[in-house]
Amino acid sequence: EFRALFGFAGIEELKDVIRTVPEVGGLIGHEDADKLMTVKEYHGGNDVKSSLQSAFAKLMTASKEAVSEAVNKLKGRLNDESKVKAFLI
């Protein structure tokens, strides 16, 4: 099985993160996120490797400000979702 990001997650797990945590997609860039969403789990070609390397590099080299902004957006979104759930219960 080809493991994304050097053994941390499979392609489908990575796709799930990109789908459900838009802040991560923002950090890696929408172009790389879109490329990764079209990758097949067991397709180990150079295009897969280059897409993963590009996304990983962007994630790991994102500025402190970009990461802080993404974390703040994530916290705000989760707080809003929590308030909605509490209201519905």
C-alpha atoms as a PDB file:
ATOM      1  CA  GLU A   1       0.000   0.000   0.000  1.00  0.00           C
ATOM      2  CA  PHE A   2       1.346   3.404  -0.966  1.00  0.00           C
ATOM      3  CA  ARG A   3       1.432   5.622   2.109  1.00  0.00           C
ATOM      4  CA  ALA A   4       0.957   9.370   1.728  1.00  0.00           C
ATOM      5  CA  LEU A   5       3.320  11.819   3.358  1.00  0.00           C
ATOM      6  CA  PHE A   6       5.939   9.147   3.946  1.00  0.00           C
ATOM      7  CA  GLY A   7       3.897   6.682   5.979  1.00  0.00           C
ATOM      8  CA  PHE A   8       1.714   9.010   8.016  1.00  0.00           C
ATOM      9  CA  ALA A   9      -1.570   8.529   6.180  1.00  0.00           C
ATOM     10  CA  GLY A  10      -3.036   6.720   3.208  1.00  0.00           C
ATOM     11  CA  ILE A  11      -4.277   8.677   0.212  1.00  0.00           C
ATOM     12  CA  GLU A  12      -7.930   8.166   1.189  1.00  0.00           C
ATOM     13  CA  GLU A  13      -7.227   9.407   4.726  1.00  0.00           C
ATOM     14  CA  LEU A  14      -5.506  12.468   3.304  1.00  0.00           C
ATOM     15  CA  LYS A  15      -8.450  13.111   0.984  1.00  0.00           C
ATOM     16  CA  ASP A  16     -10.789  12.881   3.965  1.00  0.00           C
ATOM     17  CA  VAL A  17      -8.742  15.511   5.811  1.00  0.00           C
ATOM     18  CA  ILE A  18      -8.795  17.820   2.787  1.00  0.00           C
ATOM     19  CA  ARG A  19     -12.580  17.338   2.455  1.00  0.00           C
ATOM     20  CA  THR A  20     -13.415  17.828   6.128  1.00  0.00           C
ATOM     21  CA  VAL A  21     -10.768  20.345   7.216  1.00  0.00           C
ATOM     22  CA  PRO A  22     -10.783  23.124   4.618  1.00  0.00           C
ATOM     23  CA  GLU A  23      -8.151  24.998   6.591  1.00  0.00           C
ATOM     24  CA  VAL A  24      -5.612  22.309   5.620  1.00  0.00           C
ATOM     25  CA  GLY A  25      -6.577  22.715   1.977  1.00  0.00           C
ATOM     26  CA  GLY A  26      -5.966  26.425   2.345  1.00  0.00           C
ATOM     27  CA  LEU A  27      -2.473  25.817   3.690  1.00  0.00           C
ATOM     28  CA  ILE A  28      -1.438  23.436   0.919  1.00  0.00           C
ATOM     29  CA  GLY A  29      -3.178  25.463  -1.770  1.00  0.00           C
ATOM     30  CA  HIS A  30      -6.276  24.645  -3.734  1.00  0.00           C
ATOM     31  CA  GLU A  31      -4.344  23.476  -6.805  1.00  0.00           C
ATOM     32  CA  ASP A  32      -2.454  20.803  -4.844  1.00  0.00           C
ATOM     33  CA  ALA A  33      -5.572  19.906  -2.872  1.00  0.00           C
ATOM     34  CA  ASP A  34      -7.505  19.404  -6.121  1.00  0.00           C
ATOM     35  CA  LYS A  35      -4.707  17.231  -7.554  1.00  0.00           C
ATOM     36  CA  LEU A  36      -4.653  15.065  -4.429  1.00  0.00           C
ATOM     37  CA  MET A  37      -8.425  14.631  -4.539  1.00  0.00           C
ATOM     38  CA  THR A  38      -8.106  12.975  -7.970  1.00  0.00           C
ATOM     39  CA  VAL A  39      -5.301  10.563  -6.967  1.00  0.00           C
ATOM     40  CA  LYS A  40      -6.132   6.869  -6.733  1.00  0.00           C
ATOM     41  CA  GLU A  41      -5.063   4.929  -3.599  1.00  0.00           C
ATOM     42  CA  TYR A  42      -2.809   2.437  -5.356  1.00  0.00           C
ATOM     43  CA  HIS A  43      -1.562   4.597  -8.204  1.00  0.00           C
ATOM     44  CA  GLY A  44       2.080   5.102  -7.293  1.00  0.00           C
ATOM     45  CA  GLY A  45       3.192   7.109 -10.320  1.00  0.00           C
ATOM     46  CA  ASN A  46       5.417  10.165 -10.387  1.00  0.00           C
ATOM     47  CA  ASP A  47       2.401  12.485 -10.545  1.00  0.00           C
ATOM     48  CA  VAL A  48       1.222  11.120  -7.192  1.00  0.00           C
ATOM     49  CA  LYS A  49       4.664  11.494  -5.670  1.00  0.00           C
ATOM     50  CA  SER A  50       5.095  15.045  -6.950  1.00  0.00           C
ATOM     51  CA  SER A  51       1.626  16.077  -5.724  1.00  0.00           C
ATOM     52  CA  LEU A  52       2.321  14.648  -2.280  1.00  0.00           C
ATOM     53  CA  GLN A  53       5.758  16.229  -2.110  1.00  0.00           C
ATOM     54  CA  SER A  54       4.381  19.609  -3.133  1.00  0.00           C
ATOM     55  CA  ALA A  55       1.537  19.478  -0.602  1.00  0.00           C
ATOM     56  CA  PHE A  56       3.864  18.287   2.161  1.00  0.00           C
ATOM     57  CA  ALA A  57       6.426  20.997   1.374  1.00  0.00           C
ATOM     58  CA  LYS A  58       3.774  23.730   1.418  1.00  0.00           C
ATOM     59  CA  LEU A  59       2.333  22.453   4.674  1.00  0.00           C
ATOM     60  CA  MET A  60       5.727  22.206   6.374  1.00  0.00           C
ATOM     61  CA  THR A  61       6.986  25.571   5.105  1.00  0.00           C
ATOM     62  CA  ALA A  62       3.806  27.579   5.676  1.00  0.00           C
ATOM     63  CA  SER A  63       4.509  30.805   7.496  1.00  0.00           C
ATOM     64  CA  LYS A  64       3.760  31.135  11.174  1.00  0.00           C
ATOM     65  CA  GLU A  65       1.130  33.710  10.282  1.00  0.00           C
ATOM     66  CA  ALA A  66      -0.587  31.411   7.762  1.00  0.00           C
ATOM     67  CA  VAL A  67      -0.669  28.530  10.255  1.00  0.00           C
ATOM     68  CA  SER A  68      -1.954  30.814  13.004  1.00  0.00           C
ATOM     69  CA  GLU A  69      -4.688  32.120  10.711  1.00  0.00           C
ATOM     70  CA  ALA A  70      -5.677  28.570   9.704  1.00  0.00           C
ATOM     71  CA  VAL A  71      -5.803  27.459  13.343  1.00  0.00           C
ATOM     72  CA  ASN A  72      -7.929  30.471  14.278  1.00  0.00           C
ATOM     73  CA  LYS A  73     -10.328  29.741  11.402  1.00  0.00           C
ATOM     74  CA  LEU A  74     -10.525  26.102  12.476  1.00  0.00           C
ATOM     75  CA  LYS A  75     -11.209  27.054  16.101  1.00  0.00           C
ATOM     76  CA  GLY A  76     -13.908  29.494  15.032  1.00  0.00           C
ATOM     77  CA  ARG A  77     -15.559  26.978  12.735  1.00  0.00           C
ATOM     78  CA  LEU A  78     -15.532  24.259  15.397  1.00  0.00           C
ATOM     79  CA  ASN A  79     -16.933  26.664  17.999  1.00  0.00           C
ATOM     80  CA  ASP A  80     -19.726  27.636  15.605  1.00  0.00           C
ATOM     81  CA  GLU A  81     -20.503  23.985  14.849  1.00  0.00           C
ATOM     82  CA  SER A  82     -20.545  23.215  18.560  1.00  0.00           C
ATOM     83  CA  LYS A  83     -23.011  26.058  19.227  1.00  0.00           C
ATOM     84  CA  VAL A  84     -25.312  24.807  16.466  1.00  0.00           C
ATOM     85  CA  LYS A  85     -25.219  21.263  17.837  1.00  0.00           C
ATOM     86  CA  ALA A  86     -25.916  22.508  21.361  1.00  0.00           C
ATOM     87  CA  PHE A  87     -28.841  24.552  20.065  1.00  0.00           C
ATOM     88  CA  LEU A  88     -30.314  21.545  18.247  1.00  0.00           C
ATOM     89  CA  ILE A  89     -30.075  19.282  21.298  1.00  0.00           C
END
